[in-house]
Protein backbone atom coordinates (compact mmCIF):
# COMPACT_ATOMS: atom_id res chain seq x y z
CA UNK A 1 0.00 0.00 0.00
CA UNK A 2 1.23 3.48 -0.77
CA UNK A 3 0.54 6.52 1.42
CA UNK A 4 -2.58 7.49 -0.53
CA UNK A 5 -4.04 4.00 -0.27
CA UNK A 6 -3.31 3.99 3.46
CA UNK A 7 -5.00 7.37 3.91
CA UNK A 8 -8.07 6.13 2.04
CA UNK A 9 -8.16 2.96 4.13
CA UNK A 10 -7.94 4.90 7.41
CA UNK A 11 -10.63 7.33 6.25
CA UNK A 12 -12.97 4.38 5.70
CA UNK A 13 -13.16 3.99 9.49
CA UNK A 14 -14.29 7.58 10.09
CA UNK A 15 -17.86 6.56 10.91
CA UNK A 16 -16.94 3.19 12.48
CA UNK A 17 -14.70 4.27 15.35
CA UNK A 18 -17.27 3.66 18.08
CA UNK A 19 -18.00 0.15 16.79
CA UNK A 20 -14.48 -1.18 16.15
CA UNK A 21 -12.42 -3.23 18.58
CA UNK A 22 -8.63 -3.15 18.30
CA UNK A 23 -6.70 -6.10 19.72
CA UNK A 24 -2.94 -5.69 20.09
CA UNK A 25 -0.95 -8.83 20.88
CA UNK A 26 2.20 -6.89 21.69
CA UNK A 27 4.25 -9.99 22.43
CA UNK A 28 3.76 -10.84 18.76
CA UNK A 29 4.15 -7.27 17.50
CA UNK A 30 7.43 -6.89 19.39
CA UNK A 31 8.88 -9.81 17.41
CA UNK A 32 8.25 -8.06 14.11
CA UNK A 33 11.51 -6.15 14.57
CA UNK A 34 13.46 -9.16 13.26
CA UNK A 35 11.67 -8.95 9.93
CA UNK A 36 11.09 -5.19 9.76
CA UNK A 37 14.52 -4.02 10.84
CA UNK A 38 12.84 -1.39 13.04
CA UNK A 39 10.73 -1.25 16.20
CA UNK A 40 7.02 -0.57 16.44
CA UNK A 41 6.58 2.22 18.98
CA UNK A 42 3.70 2.12 21.45
CA UNK A 43 3.07 5.85 21.11
CA UNK A 44 3.07 5.50 17.33
CA UNK A 45 0.80 2.47 17.59
CA UNK A 46 -1.58 4.44 19.81
CA UNK A 47 -1.81 7.22 17.24
CA UNK A 48 -2.59 4.75 14.46
CA UNK A 49 -5.19 2.93 16.56
CA UNK A 50 -7.09 6.20 17.06
CA UNK A 51 -8.00 6.02 13.37
CA UNK A 52 -9.86 2.77 14.09
CA UNK A 53 -11.33 3.09 17.59
CA UNK A 54 -12.20 6.10 19.72
CA UNK A 55 -14.57 6.86 22.55
CA UNK A 56 -14.51 3.56 24.43
CA UNK A 57 -11.11 2.73 25.90
CA UNK A 58 -12.20 -0.89 26.46
CA UNK A 59 -12.25 -1.32 22.67
CA UNK A 60 -8.52 -0.52 22.41
CA UNK A 61 -7.06 -3.61 24.03
CA UNK A 62 -3.35 -4.23 24.65
CA UNK A 63 -2.17 -7.70 25.75
CA UNK A 64 1.30 -8.13 27.21
CA UNK A 65 2.93 -10.12 30.01
CA UNK A 66 4.08 -8.87 33.40
CA UNK A 67 7.65 -10.11 33.78
CA UNK A 68 8.67 -10.50 37.43
CA UNK A 69 11.73 -12.62 36.66
CA UNK A 70 12.37 -16.29 37.47
CA UNK A 71 11.78 -15.95 41.23
CA UNK A 72 8.20 -17.11 41.85
CA UNK A 73 7.54 -14.76 44.77
CA UNK A 74 9.02 -11.65 43.22
CA UNK A 75 6.76 -8.57 43.16
CA UNK A 76 9.11 -6.32 41.19
CA UNK A 77 8.49 -5.96 37.47
CA UNK A 78 11.43 -5.98 35.09
CA UNK A 79 12.22 -2.51 33.77
CA UNK A 80 11.40 -3.59 30.22
CA UNK A 81 8.02 -5.05 31.11
CA UNK A 82 7.12 -2.12 33.36
CA UNK A 83 8.06 0.33 30.62
CA UNK A 84 5.91 -1.42 28.00
CA UNK A 85 2.84 -1.64 30.24
CA UNK A 86 3.19 1.94 31.48
CA UNK A 87 3.52 3.34 27.95
CA UNK A 88 0.46 1.38 26.86
CA UNK A 89 -1.53 2.89 29.74
CA UNK A 90 -0.32 6.38 28.88
CA UNK A 91 -1.43 5.92 25.29
CA UNK A 92 -5.01 5.13 26.29
CA UNK A 93 -4.98 1.37 25.85
CA UNK A 94 -6.95 -1.01 28.05
CA UNK A 95 -4.07 -3.15 29.31
CA UNK A 96 -4.62 -6.87 29.88
CA UNK A 97 -1.72 -8.65 31.52
CA UNK A 98 -0.70 -11.71 33.53
CA UNK A 99 2.62 -12.99 34.93
CA UNK A 100 5.20 -14.35 32.50
CA UNK A 101 6.00 -18.01 33.19
CA UNK A 102 9.65 -19.03 33.50
CA UNK A 103 10.12 -22.64 32.38
CA UNK A 104 13.40 -24.44 33.08
CA UNK A 105 15.25 -25.19 29.85
CA UNK A 106 18.85 -26.38 30.00
CA UNK A 107 19.33 -25.55 26.31
CA UNK A 108 18.78 -21.82 26.93
CA UNK A 109 21.72 -19.59 27.87
CA UNK A 110 20.07 -18.38 31.08
CA UNK A 111 18.47 -21.77 31.83
CA UNK A 112 14.90 -20.62 31.23
CA UNK A 113 12.34 -20.27 28.48
CA UNK A 114 9.68 -17.58 28.92
CA UNK A 115 6.05 -18.11 28.02
CA UNK A 116 3.03 -15.81 28.16
CA UNK A 117 0.36 -16.43 25.53
CA UNK A 118 -2.92 -14.51 25.46
CA UNK A 119 -4.81 -16.48 22.82
CA UNK A 120 -7.47 -17.63 25.29
CA UNK A 121 -7.87 -14.18 26.85
CA UNK A 122 -8.18 -12.49 23.46
CA UNK A 123 -10.69 -15.05 22.21
CA UNK A 124 -12.84 -14.83 25.34
CA UNK A 125 -12.81 -11.02 25.24
CA UNK A 126 -13.76 -10.93 21.56
CA UNK A 127 -16.74 -13.18 22.18
CA UNK A 128 -17.70 -11.60 25.53
CA UNK A 129 -17.75 -8.11 24.02
CA UNK A 130 -19.22 -8.99 20.61
CA UNK A 131 -22.30 -6.80 21.12
CA UNK A 132 -20.06 -3.72 21.45
CA UNK A 133 -18.36 -3.83 18.03
CA UNK A 134 -18.86 -4.67 14.35
CA UNK A 135 -15.23 -4.68 13.16
CA UNK A 136 -12.09 -6.28 14.58
CA UNK A 137 -8.63 -4.86 13.92
CA UNK A 138 -6.04 -7.38 15.11
CA UNK A 139 -2.34 -6.60 15.44
CA UNK A 140 -0.80 -10.07 15.29
CA UNK A 141 0.48 -12.27 12.51
CA UNK A 142 -0.16 -15.40 14.57
CA UNK A 143 -2.67 -17.81 13.07
CA UNK A 144 -4.04 -19.03 16.41
CA UNK A 145 -6.88 -16.50 16.46
CA UNK A 146 -8.20 -17.34 12.99
CA UNK A 147 -10.59 -19.94 14.41
CA UNK A 148 -12.13 -17.24 16.61
CA UNK A 149 -12.33 -14.72 13.75
CA UNK A 150 -14.06 -17.30 11.57
CA UNK A 151 -16.59 -17.97 14.32
CA UNK A 152 -17.22 -14.26 14.81
CA UNK A 153 -17.84 -13.85 11.10
CA UNK A 154 -20.14 -16.86 10.79
CA UNK A 155 -22.09 -16.42 14.03
CA UNK A 156 -22.16 -12.63 14.40
CA UNK A 157 -21.22 -11.26 10.96
CA UNK A 158 -18.15 -9.48 12.32
CA UNK A 159 -15.59 -8.10 9.87
CA UNK A 160 -11.89 -8.58 10.61
CA UNK A 161 -8.72 -6.80 9.54
CA UNK A 162 -5.29 -8.15 10.47
CA UNK A 163 -1.94 -6.37 10.72
CA UNK A 164 1.22 -8.42 10.43
CA UNK A 165 4.78 -8.08 9.17
CA UNK A 166 6.00 -9.64 5.94
CA UNK A 167 7.88 -12.78 6.89
CA UNK A 168 6.02 -12.95 10.20
CA UNK A 169 2.51 -13.92 9.12
CA UNK A 170 1.21 -17.44 9.66
CA UNK A 171 -0.08 -19.46 6.73
CA UNK A 172 -3.48 -19.64 8.45
CA UNK A 173 -3.71 -15.84 8.29
CA UNK A 174 -2.88 -15.73 4.58
CA UNK A 175 -5.38 -18.51 3.84
CA UNK A 176 -8.05 -16.75 5.91
CA UNK A 177 -7.59 -13.57 3.88
CA UNK A 178 -8.09 -15.56 0.67
CA UNK A 179 -11.19 -17.27 2.10
CA UNK A 180 -12.80 -14.00 3.18
CA UNK A 181 -12.53 -14.66 6.91
CA UNK A 182 -10.26 -11.62 7.02
CA UNK A 183 -11.54 -8.62 5.10
CA UNK A 184 -8.05 -7.31 4.57
CA UNK A 185 -4.53 -8.38 5.50
CA UNK A 186 -2.28 -5.38 6.08
CA UNK A 187 1.47 -5.22 6.47
CA UNK A 188 3.13 -3.01 9.04
CA UNK A 189 6.04 -2.63 6.61
CA UNK A 190 3.81 -0.30 4.57
CA UNK A 191 3.04 1.76 7.68
CA UNK A 192 6.71 2.51 8.44
CA UNK A 193 6.12 6.27 8.50
CA UNK A 194 3.36 5.79 11.10
CA UNK A 195 4.72 2.96 13.29
CA UNK A 196 8.53 3.17 13.22
CA UNK A 197 9.65 4.63 16.54
CA UNK A 198 13.24 4.98 15.29
CA UNK A 199 12.43 6.71 12.02
CA UNK A 200 13.70 10.15 12.99
CA UNK A 201 16.30 9.11 15.57
CA UNK A 202 19.95 9.57 14.84
CA UNK A 203 19.37 12.15 12.10
C-alpha atoms as a PDB file:
ATOM      1  CA  UNK A   1       0.000   0.000   0.000  1.00  0.00           C
ATOM      2  CA  UNK A   2       1.233   3.480  -0.766  1.00  0.00           C
ATOM      3  CA  UNK A   3       0.540   6.517   1.418  1.00  0.00           C
ATOM      4  CA  UNK A   4      -2.583   7.495  -0.531  1.00  0.00           C
ATOM      5  CA  UNK A   5      -4.043   4.000  -0.270  1.00  0.00           C
ATOM      6  CA  UNK A   6      -3.314   3.993   3.463  1.00  0.00           C
ATOM      7  CA  UNK A   7      -4.996   7.371   3.910  1.00  0.00           C
ATOM      8  CA  UNK A   8      -8.073   6.135   2.042  1.00  0.00           C
ATOM      9  CA  UNK A   9      -8.163   2.962   4.133  1.00  0.00           C
ATOM     10  CA  UNK A  10      -7.938   4.898   7.408  1.00  0.00           C
ATOM     11  CA  UNK A  11     -10.626   7.333   6.248  1.00  0.00           C
ATOM     12  CA  UNK A  12     -12.969   4.382   5.701  1.00  0.00           C
ATOM     13  CA  UNK A  13     -13.160   3.994   9.495  1.00  0.00           C
ATOM     14  CA  UNK A  14     -14.289   7.582  10.095  1.00  0.00           C
ATOM     15  CA  UNK A  15     -17.856   6.557  10.914  1.00  0.00           C
ATOM     16  CA  UNK A  16     -16.938   3.187  12.478  1.00  0.00           C
ATOM     17  CA  UNK A  17     -14.700   4.268  15.349  1.00  0.00           C
ATOM     18  CA  UNK A  18     -17.269   3.661  18.075  1.00  0.00           C
ATOM     19  CA  UNK A  19     -18.005   0.152  16.785  1.00  0.00           C
ATOM     20  CA  UNK A  20     -14.484  -1.175  16.151  1.00  0.00           C
ATOM     21  CA  UNK A  21     -12.422  -3.226  18.583  1.00  0.00           C
ATOM     22  CA  UNK A  22      -8.632  -3.154  18.297  1.00  0.00           C
ATOM     23  CA  UNK A  23      -6.702  -6.103  19.718  1.00  0.00           C
ATOM     24  CA  UNK A  24      -2.937  -5.694  20.092  1.00  0.00           C
ATOM     25  CA  UNK A  25      -0.948  -8.833  20.882  1.00  0.00           C
ATOM     26  CA  UNK A  26       2.195  -6.891  21.685  1.00  0.00           C
ATOM     27  CA  UNK A  27       4.255  -9.994  22.428  1.00  0.00           C
ATOM     28  CA  UNK A  28       3.760 -10.839  18.755  1.00  0.00           C
ATOM     29  CA  UNK A  29       4.153  -7.266  17.498  1.00  0.00           C
ATOM     30  CA  UNK A  30       7.426  -6.887  19.392  1.00  0.00           C
ATOM     31  CA  UNK A  31       8.882  -9.806  17.415  1.00  0.00           C
ATOM     32  CA  UNK A  32       8.254  -8.060  14.105  1.00  0.00           C
ATOM     33  CA  UNK A  33      11.512  -6.150  14.568  1.00  0.00           C
ATOM     34  CA  UNK A  34      13.455  -9.160  13.264  1.00  0.00           C
ATOM     35  CA  UNK A  35      11.668  -8.949   9.927  1.00  0.00           C
ATOM     36  CA  UNK A  36      11.090  -5.190   9.759  1.00  0.00           C
ATOM     37  CA  UNK A  37      14.518  -4.023  10.840  1.00  0.00           C
ATOM     38  CA  UNK A  38      12.843  -1.391  13.042  1.00  0.00           C
ATOM     39  CA  UNK A  39      10.726  -1.254  16.199  1.00  0.00           C
ATOM     40  CA  UNK A  40       7.022  -0.573  16.443  1.00  0.00           C
ATOM     41  CA  UNK A  41       6.583   2.222  18.985  1.00  0.00           C
ATOM     42  CA  UNK A  42       3.697   2.120  21.448  1.00  0.00           C
ATOM     43  CA  UNK A  43       3.073   5.850  21.111  1.00  0.00           C
ATOM     44  CA  UNK A  44       3.071   5.496  17.326  1.00  0.00           C
ATOM     45  CA  UNK A  45       0.802   2.472  17.591  1.00  0.00           C
ATOM     46  CA  UNK A  46      -1.583   4.440  19.814  1.00  0.00           C
ATOM     47  CA  UNK A  47      -1.814   7.217  17.235  1.00  0.00           C
ATOM     48  CA  UNK A  48      -2.592   4.752  14.460  1.00  0.00           C
ATOM     49  CA  UNK A  49      -5.186   2.932  16.557  1.00  0.00           C
ATOM     50  CA  UNK A  50      -7.093   6.199  17.063  1.00  0.00           C
ATOM     51  CA  UNK A  51      -7.996   6.017  13.371  1.00  0.00           C
ATOM     52  CA  UNK A  52      -9.858   2.773  14.090  1.00  0.00           C
ATOM     53  CA  UNK A  53     -11.329   3.095  17.589  1.00  0.00           C
ATOM     54  CA  UNK A  54     -12.199   6.102  19.718  1.00  0.00           C
ATOM     55  CA  UNK A  55     -14.572   6.862  22.552  1.00  0.00           C
ATOM     56  CA  UNK A  56     -14.508   3.561  24.429  1.00  0.00           C
ATOM     57  CA  UNK A  57     -11.106   2.728  25.902  1.00  0.00           C
ATOM     58  CA  UNK A  58     -12.200  -0.888  26.457  1.00  0.00           C
ATOM     59  CA  UNK A  59     -12.247  -1.322  22.669  1.00  0.00           C
ATOM     60  CA  UNK A  60      -8.515  -0.517  22.411  1.00  0.00           C
ATOM     61  CA  UNK A  61      -7.058  -3.615  24.027  1.00  0.00           C
ATOM     62  CA  UNK A  62      -3.348  -4.229  24.646  1.00  0.00           C
ATOM     63  CA  UNK A  63      -2.174  -7.698  25.751  1.00  0.00           C
ATOM     64  CA  UNK A  64       1.303  -8.132  27.206  1.00  0.00           C
ATOM     65  CA  UNK A  65       2.926 -10.123  30.006  1.00  0.00           C
ATOM     66  CA  UNK A  66       4.083  -8.874  33.398  1.00  0.00           C
ATOM     67  CA  UNK A  67       7.646 -10.110  33.784  1.00  0.00           C
ATOM     68  CA  UNK A  68       8.669 -10.499  37.428  1.00  0.00           C
ATOM     69  CA  UNK A  69      11.732 -12.615  36.658  1.00  0.00           C
ATOM     70  CA  UNK A  70      12.366 -16.290  37.471  1.00  0.00           C
ATOM     71  CA  UNK A  71      11.778 -15.951  41.229  1.00  0.00           C
ATOM     72  CA  UNK A  72       8.204 -17.106  41.849  1.00  0.00           C
ATOM     73  CA  UNK A  73       7.537 -14.762  44.768  1.00  0.00           C
ATOM     74  CA  UNK A  74       9.020 -11.646  43.217  1.00  0.00           C
ATOM     75  CA  UNK A  75       6.762  -8.574  43.163  1.00  0.00           C
ATOM     76  CA  UNK A  76       9.113  -6.317  41.187  1.00  0.00           C
ATOM     77  CA  UNK A  77       8.485  -5.964  37.469  1.00  0.00           C
ATOM     78  CA  UNK A  78      11.431  -5.982  35.092  1.00  0.00           C
ATOM     79  CA  UNK A  79      12.219  -2.505  33.770  1.00  0.00           C
ATOM     80  CA  UNK A  80      11.398  -3.592  30.218  1.00  0.00           C
ATOM     81  CA  UNK A  81       8.016  -5.054  31.112  1.00  0.00           C
ATOM     82  CA  UNK A  82       7.120  -2.123  33.361  1.00  0.00           C
ATOM     83  CA  UNK A  83       8.065   0.331  30.619  1.00  0.00           C
ATOM     84  CA  UNK A  84       5.914  -1.419  28.004  1.00  0.00           C
ATOM     85  CA  UNK A  85       2.837  -1.643  30.242  1.00  0.00           C
ATOM     86  CA  UNK A  86       3.193   1.942  31.483  1.00  0.00           C
ATOM     87  CA  UNK A  87       3.519   3.344  27.951  1.00  0.00           C
ATOM     88  CA  UNK A  88       0.464   1.378  26.859  1.00  0.00           C
ATOM     89  CA  UNK A  89      -1.534   2.892  29.737  1.00  0.00           C
ATOM     90  CA  UNK A  90      -0.315   6.385  28.881  1.00  0.00           C
ATOM     91  CA  UNK A  91      -1.433   5.917  25.286  1.00  0.00           C
ATOM     92  CA  UNK A  92      -5.007   5.132  26.294  1.00  0.00           C
ATOM     93  CA  UNK A  93      -4.985   1.370  25.852  1.00  0.00           C
ATOM     94  CA  UNK A  94      -6.949  -1.007  28.053  1.00  0.00           C
ATOM     95  CA  UNK A  95      -4.067  -3.154  29.311  1.00  0.00           C
ATOM     96  CA  UNK A  96      -4.621  -6.867  29.877  1.00  0.00           C
ATOM     97  CA  UNK A  97      -1.724  -8.650  31.518  1.00  0.00           C
ATOM     98  CA  UNK A  98      -0.701 -11.712  33.528  1.00  0.00           C
ATOM     99  CA  UNK A  99       2.617 -12.987  34.926  1.00  0.00           C
ATOM    100  CA  UNK A 100       5.199 -14.351  32.505  1.00  0.00           C
ATOM    101  CA  UNK A 101       6.004 -18.008  33.189  1.00  0.00           C
ATOM    102  CA  UNK A 102       9.648 -19.034  33.503  1.00  0.00           C
ATOM    103  CA  UNK A 103      10.124 -22.639  32.382  1.00  0.00           C
ATOM    104  CA  UNK A 104      13.398 -24.441  33.083  1.00  0.00           C
ATOM    105  CA  UNK A 105      15.246 -25.194  29.846  1.00  0.00           C
ATOM    106  CA  UNK A 106      18.849 -26.375  29.996  1.00  0.00           C
ATOM    107  CA  UNK A 107      19.333 -25.545  26.309  1.00  0.00           C
ATOM    108  CA  UNK A 108      18.775 -21.824  26.926  1.00  0.00           C
ATOM    109  CA  UNK A 109      21.725 -19.592  27.868  1.00  0.00           C
ATOM    110  CA  UNK A 110      20.072 -18.377  31.080  1.00  0.00           C
ATOM    111  CA  UNK A 111      18.475 -21.768  31.833  1.00  0.00           C
ATOM    112  CA  UNK A 112      14.896 -20.619  31.230  1.00  0.00           C
ATOM    113  CA  UNK A 113      12.344 -20.272  28.477  1.00  0.00           C
ATOM    114  CA  UNK A 114       9.681 -17.581  28.917  1.00  0.00           C
ATOM    115  CA  UNK A 115       6.048 -18.110  28.023  1.00  0.00           C
ATOM    116  CA  UNK A 116       3.025 -15.812  28.159  1.00  0.00           C
ATOM    117  CA  UNK A 117       0.359 -16.432  25.531  1.00  0.00           C
ATOM    118  CA  UNK A 118      -2.918 -14.506  25.455  1.00  0.00           C
ATOM    119  CA  UNK A 119      -4.813 -16.484  22.816  1.00  0.00           C
ATOM    120  CA  UNK A 120      -7.470 -17.629  25.294  1.00  0.00           C
ATOM    121  CA  UNK A 121      -7.873 -14.175  26.852  1.00  0.00           C
ATOM    122  CA  UNK A 122      -8.178 -12.486  23.458  1.00  0.00           C
ATOM    123  CA  UNK A 123     -10.693 -15.055  22.212  1.00  0.00           C
ATOM    124  CA  UNK A 124     -12.845 -14.825  25.344  1.00  0.00           C
ATOM    125  CA  UNK A 125     -12.811 -11.017  25.236  1.00  0.00           C
ATOM    126  CA  UNK A 126     -13.760 -10.927  21.559  1.00  0.00           C
ATOM    127  CA  UNK A 127     -16.744 -13.182  22.181  1.00  0.00           C
ATOM    128  CA  UNK A 128     -17.698 -11.604  25.532  1.00  0.00           C
ATOM    129  CA  UNK A 129     -17.752  -8.114  24.016  1.00  0.00           C
ATOM    130  CA  UNK A 130     -19.220  -8.988  20.613  1.00  0.00           C
ATOM    131  CA  UNK A 131     -22.299  -6.798  21.120  1.00  0.00           C
ATOM    132  CA  UNK A 132     -20.060  -3.718  21.445  1.00  0.00           C
ATOM    133  CA  UNK A 133     -18.362  -3.829  18.030  1.00  0.00           C
ATOM    134  CA  UNK A 134     -18.859  -4.673  14.353  1.00  0.00           C
ATOM    135  CA  UNK A 135     -15.227  -4.684  13.161  1.00  0.00           C
ATOM    136  CA  UNK A 136     -12.091  -6.280  14.582  1.00  0.00           C
ATOM    137  CA  UNK A 137      -8.626  -4.858  13.923  1.00  0.00           C
ATOM    138  CA  UNK A 138      -6.042  -7.380  15.110  1.00  0.00           C
ATOM    139  CA  UNK A 139      -2.344  -6.601  15.440  1.00  0.00           C
ATOM    140  CA  UNK A 140      -0.802 -10.071  15.293  1.00  0.00           C
ATOM    141  CA  UNK A 141       0.479 -12.269  12.508  1.00  0.00           C
ATOM    142  CA  UNK A 142      -0.162 -15.402  14.565  1.00  0.00           C
ATOM    143  CA  UNK A 143      -2.674 -17.810  13.065  1.00  0.00           C
ATOM    144  CA  UNK A 144      -4.043 -19.029  16.410  1.00  0.00           C
ATOM    145  CA  UNK A 145      -6.882 -16.505  16.458  1.00  0.00           C
ATOM    146  CA  UNK A 146      -8.197 -17.340  12.990  1.00  0.00           C
ATOM    147  CA  UNK A 147     -10.590 -19.945  14.411  1.00  0.00           C
ATOM    148  CA  UNK A 148     -12.129 -17.240  16.606  1.00  0.00           C
ATOM    149  CA  UNK A 149     -12.327 -14.717  13.755  1.00  0.00           C
ATOM    150  CA  UNK A 150     -14.057 -17.301  11.574  1.00  0.00           C
ATOM    151  CA  UNK A 151     -16.586 -17.972  14.324  1.00  0.00           C
ATOM    152  CA  UNK A 152     -17.220 -14.260  14.812  1.00  0.00           C
ATOM    153  CA  UNK A 153     -17.842 -13.846  11.095  1.00  0.00           C
ATOM    154  CA  UNK A 154     -20.145 -16.862  10.793  1.00  0.00           C
ATOM    155  CA  UNK A 155     -22.093 -16.421  14.035  1.00  0.00           C
ATOM    156  CA  UNK A 156     -22.165 -12.627  14.405  1.00  0.00           C
ATOM    157  CA  UNK A 157     -21.216 -11.257  10.957  1.00  0.00           C
ATOM    158  CA  UNK A 158     -18.146  -9.479  12.316  1.00  0.00           C
ATOM    159  CA  UNK A 159     -15.590  -8.100   9.868  1.00  0.00           C
ATOM    160  CA  UNK A 160     -11.892  -8.583  10.607  1.00  0.00           C
ATOM    161  CA  UNK A 161      -8.718  -6.801   9.544  1.00  0.00           C
ATOM    162  CA  UNK A 162      -5.292  -8.148  10.472  1.00  0.00           C
ATOM    163  CA  UNK A 163      -1.938  -6.370  10.718  1.00  0.00           C
ATOM    164  CA  UNK A 164       1.222  -8.421  10.434  1.00  0.00           C
ATOM    165  CA  UNK A 165       4.780  -8.084   9.166  1.00  0.00           C
ATOM    166  CA  UNK A 166       6.001  -9.639   5.935  1.00  0.00           C
ATOM    167  CA  UNK A 167       7.883 -12.783   6.888  1.00  0.00           C
ATOM    168  CA  UNK A 168       6.024 -12.952  10.196  1.00  0.00           C
ATOM    169  CA  UNK A 169       2.508 -13.916   9.124  1.00  0.00           C
ATOM    170  CA  UNK A 170       1.207 -17.439   9.663  1.00  0.00           C
ATOM    171  CA  UNK A 171      -0.081 -19.464   6.732  1.00  0.00           C
ATOM    172  CA  UNK A 172      -3.478 -19.643   8.448  1.00  0.00           C
ATOM    173  CA  UNK A 173      -3.707 -15.841   8.289  1.00  0.00           C
ATOM    174  CA  UNK A 174      -2.881 -15.727   4.584  1.00  0.00           C
ATOM    175  CA  UNK A 175      -5.375 -18.510   3.841  1.00  0.00           C
ATOM    176  CA  UNK A 176      -8.052 -16.753   5.914  1.00  0.00           C
ATOM    177  CA  UNK A 177      -7.590 -13.567   3.882  1.00  0.00           C
ATOM    178  CA  UNK A 178      -8.086 -15.558   0.674  1.00  0.00           C
ATOM    179  CA  UNK A 179     -11.186 -17.273   2.099  1.00  0.00           C
ATOM    180  CA  UNK A 180     -12.798 -13.997   3.177  1.00  0.00           C
ATOM    181  CA  UNK A 181     -12.527 -14.664   6.913  1.00  0.00           C
ATOM    182  CA  UNK A 182     -10.257 -11.622   7.016  1.00  0.00           C
ATOM    183  CA  UNK A 183     -11.541  -8.621   5.100  1.00  0.00           C
ATOM    184  CA  UNK A 184      -8.047  -7.308   4.570  1.00  0.00           C
ATOM    185  CA  UNK A 185      -4.526  -8.381   5.501  1.00  0.00           C
ATOM    186  CA  UNK A 186      -2.278  -5.380   6.079  1.00  0.00           C
ATOM    187  CA  UNK A 187       1.467  -5.220   6.473  1.00  0.00           C
ATOM    188  CA  UNK A 188       3.127  -3.006   9.044  1.00  0.00           C
ATOM    189  CA  UNK A 189       6.037  -2.626   6.607  1.00  0.00           C
ATOM    190  CA  UNK A 190       3.806  -0.295   4.567  1.00  0.00           C
ATOM    191  CA  UNK A 191       3.039   1.760   7.681  1.00  0.00           C
ATOM    192  CA  UNK A 192       6.710   2.510   8.436  1.00  0.00           C
ATOM    193  CA  UNK A 193       6.119   6.274   8.503  1.00  0.00           C
ATOM    194  CA  UNK A 194       3.365   5.787  11.099  1.00  0.00           C
ATOM    195  CA  UNK A 195       4.721   2.957  13.290  1.00  0.00           C
ATOM    196  CA  UNK A 196       8.533   3.166  13.218  1.00  0.00           C
ATOM    197  CA  UNK A 197       9.655   4.634  16.539  1.00  0.00           C
ATOM    198  CA  UNK A 198      13.244   4.978  15.291  1.00  0.00           C
ATOM    199  CA  UNK A 199      12.426   6.713  12.021  1.00  0.00           C
ATOM    200  CA  UNK A 200      13.702  10.147  12.988  1.00  0.00           C
ATOM    201  CA  UNK A 201      16.296   9.109  15.572  1.00  0.00           C
ATOM    202  CA  UNK A 202      19.954   9.570  14.839  1.00  0.00           C
ATOM    203  CA  UNK A 203      19.370  12.148  12.097  1.00  0.00           C
END
